[in-house]
Amino acid sequence: LEPVPKRPEYDPDCEEKKQKYRRWMIIKDRVEREYQTLRSKRDDTTLKMACATEALKHDLIYFPHSLDFRGRTYPLPPHLNHLGNDLSRGLLSFGKGKPLGKRGIYWMKVH
C-alpha cells in the first residue's frame, strides 16, 4: 500500500498549485479506497479463520442448509461453508473420505 504523499499547498489563484492539489486528491482517494478494500478483506479472513479454529475443536461439523422454492440448497453459516471463496473451501476437508471408484473421475468432470 503506497503512502499518501504530503498534502500540497492549495492556492485558488495559482493554476499550477491547483493542478498539484487535484493530483494529490486523486492519489489520496485511490489509496483510501484500496485501504478500505484491504480492511474488508482482512475482516473477512479473520472471521473465516476464527470459525475454522472453532471447528478444529470438533471431530466432525455439519452445515445446516435452507431450501428455496426452486429446490436449491444454501448453507446457513455465512462465513465458513463449502460454497464460499477459495479460502473457505481450502479450510474444509471431508470428515469421511471415500474412494472415487471406477467412474468417480468421470462424474467429477460431469459436475
PDB file of N, CA and C in Angstrom:
ATOM      1  N   LEU A   1       0.861  -1.175   0.000  1.00  0.00           N
ATOM      2  CA  LEU A   1       0.000   0.000   0.000  1.00  0.00           C
ATOM      3  C   LEU A   1       0.897   1.224   0.000  1.00  0.00           C
ATOM      4  N   GLU A   2       0.742   2.030  -1.011  1.00  0.00           N
ATOM      5  CA  GLU A   2       1.589   3.228  -1.086  1.00  0.00           C
ATOM      6  C   GLU A   2       1.094   4.286  -0.109  1.00  0.00           C
ATOM      7  N   PRO A   3       2.022   5.012   0.503  1.00  0.00           N
ATOM      8  CA  PRO A   3       1.594   6.052   1.443  1.00  0.00           C
ATOM      9  C   PRO A   3       1.025   7.253   0.713  1.00  0.00           C
ATOM     10  N   VAL A   4       0.186   7.979   1.390  1.00  0.00           N
ATOM     11  CA  VAL A   4      -0.366   9.209   0.812  1.00  0.00           C
ATOM     12  C   VAL A   4       0.723  10.270   0.849  1.00  0.00           C
ATOM     13  N   PRO A   5       1.015  10.896  -0.300  1.00  0.00           N
ATOM     14  CA  PRO A   5       2.035  11.945  -0.292  1.00  0.00           C
ATOM     15  C   PRO A   5       1.592  13.142   0.548  1.00  0.00           C
ATOM     16  N   LYS A   6       2.573  13.955   0.889  1.00  0.00           N
ATOM     17  CA  LYS A   6       2.292  15.141   1.687  1.00  0.00           C
ATOM     18  C   LYS A   6       1.328  16.061   0.932  1.00  0.00           C
ATOM     19  N   ARG A   7       0.389  16.618   1.668  1.00  0.00           N
ATOM     20  CA  ARG A   7      -0.626  17.486   1.067  1.00  0.00           C
ATOM     21  C   ARG A   7       0.026  18.771   0.534  1.00  0.00           C
ATOM     22  N   PRO A   8      -0.174  19.051  -0.753  1.00  0.00           N
ATOM     23  CA  PRO A   8       0.407  20.278  -1.308  1.00  0.00           C
ATOM     24  C   PRO A   8      -0.403  21.512  -0.903  1.00  0.00           C
ATOM     25  N   GLU A   9       0.239  22.622  -1.023  1.00  0.00           N
ATOM     26  CA  GLU A   9      -0.430  23.881  -0.719  1.00  0.00           C
ATOM     27  C   GLU A   9      -1.461  24.171  -1.797  1.00  0.00           C
ATOM     28  N   TYR A  10      -2.620  24.672  -1.390  1.00  0.00           N
ATOM     29  CA  TYR A  10      -3.687  24.994  -2.341  1.00  0.00           C
ATOM     30  C   TYR A  10      -3.841  26.507  -2.428  1.00  0.00           C
ATOM     31  N   ASP A  11      -3.793  26.986  -3.660  1.00  0.00           N
ATOM     32  CA  ASP A  11      -3.990  28.418  -3.915  1.00  0.00           C
ATOM     33  C   ASP A  11      -4.947  28.541  -5.097  1.00  0.00           C
ATOM     34  N   PRO A  12      -6.164  29.042  -4.877  1.00  0.00           N
ATOM     35  CA  PRO A  12      -7.138  29.122  -5.972  1.00  0.00           C
ATOM     36  C   PRO A  12      -6.710  30.049  -7.104  1.00  0.00           C
ATOM     37  N   ASP A  13      -5.759  30.914  -6.842  1.00  0.00           N
ATOM     38  CA  ASP A  13      -5.324  31.849  -7.881  1.00  0.00           C
ATOM     39  C   ASP A  13      -4.181  31.305  -8.724  1.00  0.00           C
ATOM     40  N   CYS A  14      -3.509  30.287  -8.269  1.00  0.00           N
ATOM     41  CA  CYS A  14      -2.356  29.727  -8.985  1.00  0.00           C
ATOM     42  C   CYS A  14      -2.767  28.412  -9.636  1.00  0.00           C
ATOM     43  N   GLU A  15      -2.725  28.349 -10.962  1.00  0.00           N
ATOM     44  CA  GLU A  15      -3.161  27.169 -11.710  1.00  0.00           C
ATOM     45  C   GLU A  15      -2.266  25.954 -11.427  1.00  0.00           C
ATOM     46  N   GLU A  16      -0.981  26.184 -11.295  1.00  0.00           N
ATOM     47  CA  GLU A  16      -0.050  25.079 -11.041  1.00  0.00           C
ATOM     48  C   GLU A  16      -0.331  24.422  -9.691  1.00  0.00           C
ATOM     49  N   LYS A  17      -0.595  25.222  -8.665  1.00  0.00           N
ATOM     50  CA  LYS A  17      -0.883  24.673  -7.338  1.00  0.00           C
ATOM     51  C   LYS A  17      -2.234  23.965  -7.313  1.00  0.00           C
ATOM     52  N   LYS A  18      -3.184  24.486  -8.095  1.00  0.00           N
ATOM     53  CA  LYS A  18      -4.485  23.813  -8.184  1.00  0.00           C
ATOM     54  C   LYS A  18      -4.338  22.438  -8.823  1.00  0.00           C
ATOM     55  N   GLN A  19      -3.504  22.338  -9.873  1.00  0.00           N
ATOM     56  CA  GLN A  19      -3.282  21.055 -10.552  1.00  0.00           C
ATOM     57  C   GLN A  19      -2.593  20.061  -9.614  1.00  0.00           C
ATOM     58  N   LYS A  20      -1.580  20.525  -8.871  1.00  0.00           N
ATOM     59  CA  LYS A  20      -0.894  19.651  -7.914  1.00  0.00           C
ATOM     60  C   LYS A  20      -1.863  19.152  -6.849  1.00  0.00           C
ATOM     61  N   TYR A  21      -2.733  20.044  -6.399  1.00  0.00           N
ATOM     62  CA  TYR A  21      -3.710  19.676  -5.375  1.00  0.00           C
ATOM     63  C   TYR A  21      -4.702  18.644  -5.921  1.00  0.00           C
ATOM     64  N   ARG A  22      -5.149  18.819  -7.155  1.00  0.00           N
ATOM     65  CA  ARG A  22      -6.084  17.859  -7.781  1.00  0.00           C
ATOM     66  C   ARG A  22      -5.432  16.487  -7.913  1.00  0.00           C
ATOM     67  N   ARG A  23      -4.164  16.447  -8.370  1.00  0.00           N
ATOM     68  CA  ARG A  23      -3.458  15.170  -8.495  1.00  0.00           C
ATOM     69  C   ARG A  23      -3.318  14.499  -7.129  1.00  0.00           C
ATOM     70  N   TRP A  24      -3.027  15.318  -6.118  1.00  0.00           N
ATOM     71  CA  TRP A  24      -2.903  14.776  -4.769  1.00  0.00           C
ATOM     72  C   TRP A  24      -4.230  14.173  -4.296  1.00  0.00           C
ATOM     73  N   MET A  25      -5.343  14.866  -4.582  1.00  0.00           N
ATOM     74  CA  MET A  25      -6.668  14.363  -4.180  1.00  0.00           C
ATOM     75  C   MET A  25      -6.967  13.022  -4.849  1.00  0.00           C
ATOM     76  N   ILE A  26      -6.618  12.868  -6.116  1.00  0.00           N
ATOM     77  CA  ILE A  26      -6.856  11.616  -6.840  1.00  0.00           C
ATOM     78  C   ILE A  26      -6.055  10.490  -6.212  1.00  0.00           C
ATOM     79  N   ILE A  27      -4.776  10.757  -5.927  1.00  0.00           N
ATOM     80  CA  ILE A  27      -3.932   9.737  -5.304  1.00  0.00           C
ATOM     81  C   ILE A  27      -4.455   9.382  -3.915  1.00  0.00           C
ATOM     82  N   LYS A  28      -4.816  10.390  -3.136  1.00  0.00           N
ATOM     83  CA  LYS A  28      -5.325  10.168  -1.778  1.00  0.00           C
ATOM     84  C   LYS A  28      -6.596   9.317  -1.811  1.00  0.00           C
ATOM     85  N   ASP A  29      -7.507   9.635  -2.720  1.00  0.00           N
ATOM     86  CA  ASP A  29      -8.757   8.863  -2.826  1.00  0.00           C
ATOM     87  C   ASP A  29      -8.476   7.410  -3.212  1.00  0.00           C
ATOM     88  N   ARG A  30      -7.541   7.193  -4.143  1.00  0.00           N
ATOM     89  CA  ARG A  30      -7.210   5.828  -4.567  1.00  0.00           C
ATOM     90  C   ARG A  30      -6.617   5.030  -3.408  1.00  0.00           C
ATOM     91  N   VAL A  31      -5.698   5.644  -2.656  1.00  0.00           N
ATOM     92  CA  VAL A  31      -5.073   4.961  -1.522  1.00  0.00           C
ATOM     93  C   VAL A  31      -6.115   4.641  -0.452  1.00  0.00           C
ATOM     94  N   GLU A  32      -7.004   5.580  -0.161  1.00  0.00           N
ATOM     95  CA  GLU A  32      -8.043   5.339   0.851  1.00  0.00           C
ATOM     96  C   GLU A  32      -8.997   4.230   0.421  1.00  0.00           C
ATOM     97  N   ARG A  33      -9.353   4.198  -0.865  1.00  0.00           N
ATOM     98  CA  ARG A  33     -10.232   3.146  -1.374  1.00  0.00           C
ATOM     99  C   ARG A  33      -9.554   1.782  -1.257  1.00  0.00           C
ATOM    100  N   GLU A  34      -8.262   1.732  -1.605  1.00  0.00           N
ATOM    101  CA  GLU A  34      -7.521   0.479  -1.513  1.00  0.00           C
ATOM    102  C   GLU A  34      -7.406   0.030  -0.051  1.00  0.00           C
ATOM    103  N   TYR A  35      -7.178   0.971   0.843  1.00  0.00           N
ATOM    104  CA  TYR A  35      -7.101   0.644   2.262  1.00  0.00           C
ATOM    105  C   TYR A  35      -8.424   0.058   2.758  1.00  0.00           C
ATOM    106  N   GLN A  36      -9.542   0.655   2.368  1.00  0.00           N
ATOM    107  CA  GLN A  36     -10.846   0.139   2.794  1.00  0.00           C
ATOM    108  C   GLN A  36     -11.099  -1.259   2.240  1.00  0.00           C
ATOM    109  N   THR A  37     -10.673  -1.497   1.001  1.00  0.00           N
ATOM    110  CA  THR A  37     -10.824  -2.825   0.407  1.00  0.00           C
ATOM    111  C   THR A  37     -10.010  -3.844   1.192  1.00  0.00           C
ATOM    112  N   LEU A  38      -8.764  -3.488   1.501  1.00  0.00           N
ATOM    113  CA  LEU A  38      -7.921  -4.413   2.265  1.00  0.00           C
ATOM    114  C   LEU A  38      -8.478  -4.642   3.668  1.00  0.00           C
ATOM    115  N   ARG A  39      -9.035  -3.605   4.262  1.00  0.00           N
ATOM    116  CA  ARG A  39      -9.616  -3.751   5.596  1.00  0.00           C
ATOM    117  C   ARG A  39     -10.791  -4.730   5.562  1.00  0.00           C
ATOM    118  N   SER A  40     -11.634  -4.607   4.544  1.00  0.00           N
ATOM    119  CA  SER A  40     -12.774  -5.501   4.402  1.00  0.00           C
ATOM    120  C   SER A  40     -12.304  -6.945   4.212  1.00  0.00           C
ATOM    121  N   LYS A  41     -11.289  -7.134   3.367  1.00  0.00           N
ATOM    122  CA  LYS A  41     -10.761  -8.484   3.145  1.00  0.00           C
ATOM    123  C   LYS A  41     -10.123  -9.042   4.415  1.00  0.00           C
ATOM    124  N   ARG A  42      -9.426  -8.187   5.148  1.00  0.00           N
ATOM    125  CA  ARG A  42      -8.793  -8.616   6.393  1.00  0.00           C
ATOM    126  C   ARG A  42      -9.845  -9.053   7.404  1.00  0.00           C
ATOM    127  N   ASP A  43     -10.922  -8.279   7.524  1.00  0.00           N
ATOM    128  CA  ASP A  43     -12.004  -8.647   8.442  1.00  0.00           C
ATOM    129  C   ASP A  43     -12.649  -9.969   8.037  1.00  0.00           C
ATOM    130  N   ASP A  44     -12.868 -10.145   6.744  1.00  0.00           N
ATOM    131  CA  ASP A  44     -13.477 -11.373   6.233  1.00  0.00           C
ATOM    132  C   ASP A  44     -12.579 -12.581   6.526  1.00  0.00           C
ATOM    133  N   THR A  45     -11.286 -12.420   6.299  1.00  0.00           N
ATOM    134  CA  THR A  45     -10.335 -13.501   6.564  1.00  0.00           C
ATOM    135  C   THR A  45     -10.286 -13.830   8.050  1.00  0.00           C
ATOM    136  N   THR A  46     -10.313 -12.814   8.888  1.00  0.00           N
ATOM    137  CA  THR A  46     -10.288 -13.031  10.333  1.00  0.00           C
ATOM    138  C   THR A  46     -11.505 -13.828  10.789  1.00  0.00           C
ATOM    139  N   LEU A  47     -12.683 -13.496  10.262  1.00  0.00           N
ATOM    140  CA  LEU A  47     -13.896 -14.244  10.618  1.00  0.00           C
ATOM    141  C   LEU A  47     -13.806 -15.699  10.183  1.00  0.00           C
ATOM    142  N   LYS A  48     -13.331 -15.924   8.963  1.00  0.00           N
ATOM    143  CA  LYS A  48     -13.219 -17.289   8.456  1.00  0.00           C
ATOM    144  C   LYS A  48     -12.225 -18.101   9.287  1.00  0.00           C
ATOM    145  N   MET A  49     -11.107 -17.486   9.627  1.00  0.00           N
ATOM    146  CA  MET A  49     -10.104 -18.195  10.422  1.00  0.00           C
ATOM    147  C   MET A  49     -10.628 -18.494  11.830  1.00  0.00           C
ATOM    148  N   ALA A  50     -11.393 -17.565  12.402  1.00  0.00           N
ATOM    149  CA  ALA A  50     -11.963 -17.800  13.734  1.00  0.00           C
ATOM    150  C   ALA A  50     -12.951 -18.966  13.689  1.00  0.00           C
ATOM    151  N   CYS A  51     -13.770 -19.021  12.652  1.00  0.00           N
ATOM    152  CA  CYS A  51     -14.726 -20.135  12.509  1.00  0.00           C
ATOM    153  C   CYS A  51     -13.989 -21.455  12.315  1.00  0.00           C
ATOM    154  N   ALA A  52     -12.936 -21.443  11.509  1.00  0.00           N
ATOM    155  CA  ALA A  52     -12.177 -22.668  11.260  1.00  0.00           C
ATOM    156  C   ALA A  52     -11.467 -23.130  12.527  1.00  0.00           C
ATOM    157  N   THR A  53     -10.934 -22.200  13.301  1.00  0.00           N
ATOM    158  CA  THR A  53     -10.279 -22.548  14.554  1.00  0.00           C
ATOM    159  C   THR A  53     -11.271 -23.178  15.528  1.00  0.00           C
ATOM    160  N   GLU A  54     -12.460 -22.622  15.587  1.00  0.00           N
ATOM    161  CA  GLU A  54     -13.503 -23.188  16.454  1.00  0.00           C
ATOM    162  C   GLU A  54     -13.908 -24.582  15.970  1.00  0.00           C
ATOM    163  N   ALA A  55     -13.966 -24.778  14.657  1.00  0.00           N
ATOM    164  CA  ALA A  55     -14.360 -26.080  14.106  1.00  0.00           C
ATOM    165  C   ALA A  55     -13.318 -27.148  14.390  1.00  0.00           C
ATOM    166  N   LEU A  56     -12.054 -26.752  14.558  1.00  0.00           N
ATOM    167  CA  LEU A  56     -10.999 -27.729  14.855  1.00  0.00           C
ATOM    168  C   LEU A  56     -11.198 -28.422  16.197  1.00  0.00           C
ATOM    169  N   LYS A  57     -11.988 -27.837  17.062  1.00  0.00           N
ATOM    170  CA  LYS A  57     -12.234 -28.431  18.381  1.00  0.00           C
ATOM    171  C   LYS A  57     -13.144 -29.649  18.299  1.00  0.00           C
ATOM    172  N   HIS A  58     -13.761 -29.868  17.138  1.00  0.00           N
ATOM    173  CA  HIS A  58     -14.726 -30.958  16.966  1.00  0.00           C
ATOM    174  C   HIS A  58     -14.212 -31.958  15.932  1.00  0.00           C
ATOM    175  N   ASP A  59     -14.630 -33.202  16.088  1.00  0.00           N
ATOM    176  CA  ASP A  59     -14.233 -34.227  15.123  1.00  0.00           C
ATOM    177  C   ASP A  59     -14.906 -34.002  13.769  1.00  0.00           C
ATOM    178  N   LEU A  60     -16.196 -33.739  13.801  1.00  0.00           N
ATOM    179  CA  LEU A  60     -16.971 -33.508  12.585  1.00  0.00           C
ATOM    180  C   LEU A  60     -17.835 -32.263  12.774  1.00  0.00           C
ATOM    181  N   ILE A  61     -18.061 -31.577  11.689  1.00  0.00           N
ATOM    182  CA  ILE A  61     -19.009 -30.456  11.719  1.00  0.00           C
ATOM    183  C   ILE A  61     -20.011 -30.656  10.590  1.00  0.00           C
ATOM    184  N   TYR A  62     -21.190 -30.139  10.793  1.00  0.00           N
ATOM    185  CA  TYR A  62     -22.244 -30.230   9.791  1.00  0.00           C
ATOM    186  C   TYR A  62     -22.735 -28.828   9.475  1.00  0.00           C
ATOM    187  N   PHE A  63     -23.192 -28.644   8.261  1.00  0.00           N
ATOM    188  CA  PHE A  63     -23.701 -27.352   7.837  1.00  0.00           C
ATOM    189  C   PHE A  63     -25.199 -27.445   7.583  1.00  0.00           C
ATOM    190  N   PRO A  64     -25.997 -26.794   8.397  1.00  0.00           N
ATOM    191  CA  PRO A  64     -27.436 -26.774   8.104  1.00  0.00           C
ATOM    192  C   PRO A  64     -27.669 -25.990   6.815  1.00  0.00           C
ATOM    193  N   HIS A  65     -28.658 -26.410   6.062  1.00  0.00           N
ATOM    194  CA  HIS A  65     -28.965 -25.765   4.779  1.00  0.00           C
ATOM    195  C   HIS A  65     -30.416 -25.299   4.753  1.00  0.00           C
ATOM    196  N   SER A  66     -30.648 -24.294   3.939  1.00  0.00           N
ATOM    197  CA  SER A  66     -32.026 -23.876   3.679  1.00  0.00           C
ATOM    198  C   SER A  66     -32.358 -24.243   2.232  1.00  0.00           C
ATOM    199  N   LEU A  67     -33.617 -24.401   1.978  1.00  0.00           N
ATOM    200  CA  LEU A  67     -34.094 -24.813   0.661  1.00  0.00           C
ATOM    201  C   LEU A  67     -34.968 -23.701   0.099  1.00  0.00           C
ATOM    202  N   ASP A  68     -34.689 -23.275  -1.138  1.00  0.00           N
ATOM    203  CA  ASP A  68     -35.538 -22.236  -1.723  1.00  0.00           C
ATOM    204  C   ASP A  68     -36.659 -22.880  -2.553  1.00  0.00           C
ATOM    205  N   PHE A  69     -37.516 -22.057  -3.134  1.00  0.00           N
ATOM    206  CA  PHE A  69     -38.692 -22.570  -3.838  1.00  0.00           C
ATOM    207  C   PHE A  69     -38.344 -23.344  -5.107  1.00  0.00           C
ATOM    208  N   ARG A  70     -37.097 -23.189  -5.611  1.00  0.00           N
ATOM    209  CA  ARG A  70     -36.686 -23.922  -6.814  1.00  0.00           C
ATOM    210  C   ARG A  70     -36.057 -25.261  -6.481  1.00  0.00           C
ATOM    211  N   GLY A  71     -35.843 -25.518  -5.186  1.00  0.00           N
ATOM    212  CA  GLY A  71     -35.227 -26.766  -4.778  1.00  0.00           C
ATOM    213  C   GLY A  71     -33.720 -26.651  -4.588  1.00  0.00           C
ATOM    214  N   ARG A  72     -33.184 -25.448  -4.630  1.00  0.00           N
ATOM    215  CA  ARG A  72     -31.753 -25.253  -4.416  1.00  0.00           C
ATOM    216  C   ARG A  72     -31.469 -25.159  -2.926  1.00  0.00           C
ATOM    217  N   THR A  73     -30.323 -25.699  -2.533  1.00  0.00           N
ATOM    218  CA  THR A  73     -29.946 -25.643  -1.117  1.00  0.00           C
ATOM    219  C   THR A  73     -28.801 -24.657  -0.931  1.00  0.00           C
ATOM    220  N   TYR A  74     -28.841 -23.953   0.187  1.00  0.00           N
ATOM    221  CA  TYR A  74     -27.812 -22.977   0.521  1.00  0.00           C
ATOM    222  C   TYR A  74     -27.402 -23.179   1.977  1.00  0.00           C
ATOM    223  N   PRO A  75     -26.092 -23.172   2.245  1.00  0.00           N
ATOM    224  CA  PRO A  75     -25.655 -23.334   3.633  1.00  0.00           C
ATOM    225  C   PRO A  75     -26.021 -22.109   4.467  1.00  0.00           C
ATOM    226  N   LEU A  76     -26.423 -22.320   5.702  1.00  0.00           N
ATOM    227  CA  LEU A  76     -26.806 -21.215   6.578  1.00  0.00           C
ATOM    228  C   LEU A  76     -25.625 -20.468   7.191  1.00  0.00           C
ATOM    229  N   PRO A  77     -24.508 -21.133   7.552  1.00  0.00           N
ATOM    230  CA  PRO A  77     -23.396 -20.372   8.130  1.00  0.00           C
ATOM    231  C   PRO A  77     -22.822 -19.401   7.092  1.00  0.00           C
ATOM    232  N   PRO A  78     -22.746 -18.118   7.404  1.00  0.00           N
ATOM    233  CA  PRO A  78     -22.343 -17.148   6.394  1.00  0.00           C
ATOM    234  C   PRO A  78     -20.841 -17.066   6.137  1.00  0.00           C
ATOM    235  N   HIS A  79     -20.013 -17.421   7.111  1.00  0.00           N
ATOM    236  CA  HIS A  79     -18.584 -17.153   6.964  1.00  0.00           C
ATOM    237  C   HIS A  79     -17.778 -18.338   6.464  1.00  0.00           C
ATOM    238  N   LEU A  80     -18.054 -19.499   6.967  1.00  0.00           N
ATOM    239  CA  LEU A  80     -17.287 -20.684   6.585  1.00  0.00           C
ATOM    240  C   LEU A  80     -18.249 -21.739   6.075  1.00  0.00           C
ATOM    241  N   ASN A  81     -18.213 -21.985   4.771  1.00  0.00           N
ATOM    242  CA  ASN A  81     -19.044 -23.027   4.178  1.00  0.00           C
ATOM    243  C   ASN A  81     -18.413 -23.473   2.861  1.00  0.00           C
ATOM    244  N   HIS A  82     -18.918 -24.539   2.300  1.00  0.00           N
ATOM    245  CA  HIS A  82     -18.335 -25.117   1.091  1.00  0.00           C
ATOM    246  C   HIS A  82     -18.648 -24.321  -0.173  1.00  0.00           C
ATOM    247  N   LEU A  83     -19.538 -23.339  -0.105  1.00  0.00           N
ATOM    248  CA  LEU A  83     -19.845 -22.506  -1.268  1.00  0.00           C
ATOM    249  C   LEU A  83     -19.147 -21.141  -1.206  1.00  0.00           C
ATOM    250  N   GLY A  84     -18.286 -20.953  -0.220  1.00  0.00           N
ATOM    251  CA  GLY A  84     -17.596 -19.682  -0.057  1.00  0.00           C
ATOM    252  C   GLY A  84     -16.447 -19.530  -1.040  1.00  0.00           C
ATOM    253  N   ASN A  85     -15.588 -18.551  -0.766  1.00  0.00           N
ATOM    254  CA  ASN A  85     -14.445 -18.304  -1.646  1.00  0.00           C
ATOM    255  C   ASN A  85     -13.380 -19.386  -1.461  1.00  0.00           C
ATOM    256  N   ASP A  86     -12.242 -19.235  -2.130  1.00  0.00           N
ATOM    257  CA  ASP A  86     -11.196 -20.248  -2.093  1.00  0.00           C
ATOM    258  C   ASP A  86     -10.686 -20.503  -0.677  1.00  0.00           C
ATOM    259  N   LEU A  87     -10.569 -19.457   0.115  1.00  0.00           N
ATOM    260  CA  LEU A  87     -10.102 -19.632   1.490  1.00  0.00           C
ATOM    261  C   LEU A  87     -11.072 -20.512   2.276  1.00  0.00           C
ATOM    262  N   SER A  88     -12.360 -20.242   2.152  1.00  0.00           N
ATOM    263  CA  SER A  88     -13.365 -21.044   2.877  1.00  0.00           C
ATOM    264  C   SER A  88     -13.289 -22.504   2.473  1.00  0.00           C
ATOM    265  N   ARG A  89     -13.223 -22.754   1.193  1.00  0.00           N
ATOM    266  CA  ARG A  89     -13.183 -24.145   0.727  1.00  0.00           C
ATOM    267  C   ARG A  89     -11.871 -24.816   1.080  1.00  0.00           C
ATOM    268  N   GLY A  90     -10.776 -24.039   1.069  1.00  0.00           N
ATOM    269  CA  GLY A  90      -9.477 -24.612   1.396  1.00  0.00           C
ATOM    270  C   GLY A  90      -9.342 -24.990   2.859  1.00  0.00           C
ATOM    271  N   LEU A  91     -10.093 -24.342   3.724  1.00  0.00           N
ATOM    272  CA  LEU A  91     -10.037 -24.645   5.156  1.00  0.00           C
ATOM    273  C   LEU A  91     -10.835 -25.890   5.522  1.00  0.00           C
ATOM    274  N   LEU A  92     -11.683 -26.356   4.614  1.00  0.00           N
ATOM    275  CA  LEU A  92     -12.542 -27.509   4.893  1.00  0.00           C
ATOM    276  C   LEU A  92     -11.990 -28.782   4.261  1.00  0.00           C
ATOM    277  N   SER A  93     -12.237 -29.893   4.905  1.00  0.00           N
ATOM    278  CA  SER A  93     -11.927 -31.196   4.305  1.00  0.00           C
ATOM    279  C   SER A  93     -13.039 -32.160   4.706  1.00  0.00           C
ATOM    280  N   PHE A  94     -13.202 -33.207   3.923  1.00  0.00           N
ATOM    281  CA  PHE A  94     -14.254 -34.181   4.203  1.00  0.00           C
ATOM    282  C   PHE A  94     -13.934 -34.935   5.489  1.00  0.00           C
ATOM    283  N   GLY A  95     -14.961 -35.151   6.306  1.00  0.00           N
ATOM    284  CA  GLY A  95     -14.777 -35.896   7.541  1.00  0.00           C
ATOM    285  C   GLY A  95     -14.636 -37.376   7.294  1.00  0.00           C
ATOM    286  N   LYS A  96     -15.364 -37.875   6.320  1.00  0.00           N
ATOM    287  CA  LYS A  96     -15.317 -39.306   5.993  1.00  0.00           C
ATOM    288  C   LYS A  96     -15.013 -39.428   4.507  1.00  0.00           C
ATOM    289  N   GLY A  97     -13.740 -39.563   4.186  1.00  0.00           N
ATOM    290  CA  GLY A  97     -13.334 -39.682   2.787  1.00  0.00           C
ATOM    291  C   GLY A  97     -13.721 -41.033   2.201  1.00  0.00           C
ATOM    292  N   LYS A  98     -14.044 -41.035   0.922  1.00  0.00           N
ATOM    293  CA  LYS A  98     -14.392 -42.276   0.227  1.00  0.00           C
ATOM    294  C   LYS A  98     -13.614 -42.319  -1.081  1.00  0.00           C
ATOM    295  N   PRO A  99     -13.217 -43.503  -1.526  1.00  0.00           N
ATOM    296  CA  PRO A  99     -12.527 -43.598  -2.821  1.00  0.00           C
ATOM    297  C   PRO A  99     -13.490 -43.261  -3.962  1.00  0.00           C
ATOM    298  N   LEU A 100     -12.938 -42.745  -5.042  1.00  0.00           N
ATOM    299  CA  LEU A 100     -13.774 -42.348  -6.172  1.00  0.00           C
ATOM    300  C   LEU A 100     -14.394 -43.529  -6.904  1.00  0.00           C
ATOM    301  N   GLY A 101     -13.711 -44.647  -6.946  1.00  0.00           N
ATOM    302  CA  GLY A 101     -14.234 -45.805  -7.666  1.00  0.00           C
ATOM    303  C   GLY A 101     -13.910 -45.722  -9.147  1.00  0.00           C
ATOM    304  N   LYS A 102     -14.468 -46.660  -9.911  1.00  0.00           N
ATOM    305  CA  LYS A 102     -14.152 -46.748 -11.338  1.00  0.00           C
ATOM    306  C   LYS A 102     -14.655 -45.546 -12.129  1.00  0.00           C
ATOM    307  N   ARG A 103     -15.841 -45.052 -11.806  1.00  0.00           N
ATOM    308  CA  ARG A 103     -16.443 -43.967 -12.589  1.00  0.00           C
ATOM    309  C   ARG A 103     -16.358 -42.620 -11.867  1.00  0.00           C
ATOM    310  N   GLY A 104     -15.602 -42.552 -10.778  1.00  0.00           N
ATOM    311  CA  GLY A 104     -15.537 -41.337  -9.978  1.00  0.00           C
ATOM    312  C   GLY A 104     -14.966 -40.136 -10.715  1.00  0.00           C
ATOM    313  N   ILE A 105     -13.880 -40.326 -11.452  1.00  0.00           N
ATOM    314  CA  ILE A 105     -13.276 -39.216 -12.194  1.00  0.00           C
ATOM    315  C   ILE A 105     -14.255 -38.709 -13.256  1.00  0.00           C
ATOM    316  N   TYR A 106     -14.936 -39.621 -13.918  1.00  0.00           N
ATOM    317  CA  TYR A 106     -15.914 -39.234 -14.940  1.00  0.00           C
ATOM    318  C   TYR A 106     -16.980 -38.333 -14.317  1.00  0.00           C
ATOM    319  N   TRP A 107     -17.527 -38.747 -13.173  1.00  0.00           N
ATOM    320  CA  TRP A 107     -18.602 -37.965 -12.554  1.00  0.00           C
ATOM    321  C   TRP A 107     -18.096 -36.656 -11.968  1.00  0.00           C
ATOM    322  N   MET A 108     -16.841 -36.600 -11.548  1.00  0.00           N
ATOM    323  CA  MET A 108     -16.279 -35.332 -11.105  1.00  0.00           C
ATOM    324  C   MET A 108     -16.203 -34.350 -12.273  1.00  0.00           C
ATOM    325  N   LYS A 109     -15.853 -34.852 -13.438  1.00  0.00           N
ATOM    326  CA  LYS A 109     -15.783 -33.986 -14.634  1.00  0.00           C
ATOM    327  C   LYS A 109     -17.178 -33.560 -15.095  1.00  0.00           C
ATOM    328  N   VAL A 110     -18.157 -34.439 -14.918  1.00  0.00           N
ATOM    329  CA  VAL A 110     -19.531 -34.095 -15.280  1.00  0.00           C
ATOM    330  C   VAL A 110     -20.025 -32.948 -14.419  1.00  0.00           C
ATOM    331  N   HIS A 111     -19.727 -33.002 -13.128  1.00  0.00           N
ATOM    332  CA  HIS A 111     -20.198 -31.976 -12.212  1.00  0.00           C
ATOM    333  C   HIS A 111     -19.276 -30.805 -12.209  1.00  0.00           C
TER     334      HIS A 111
END
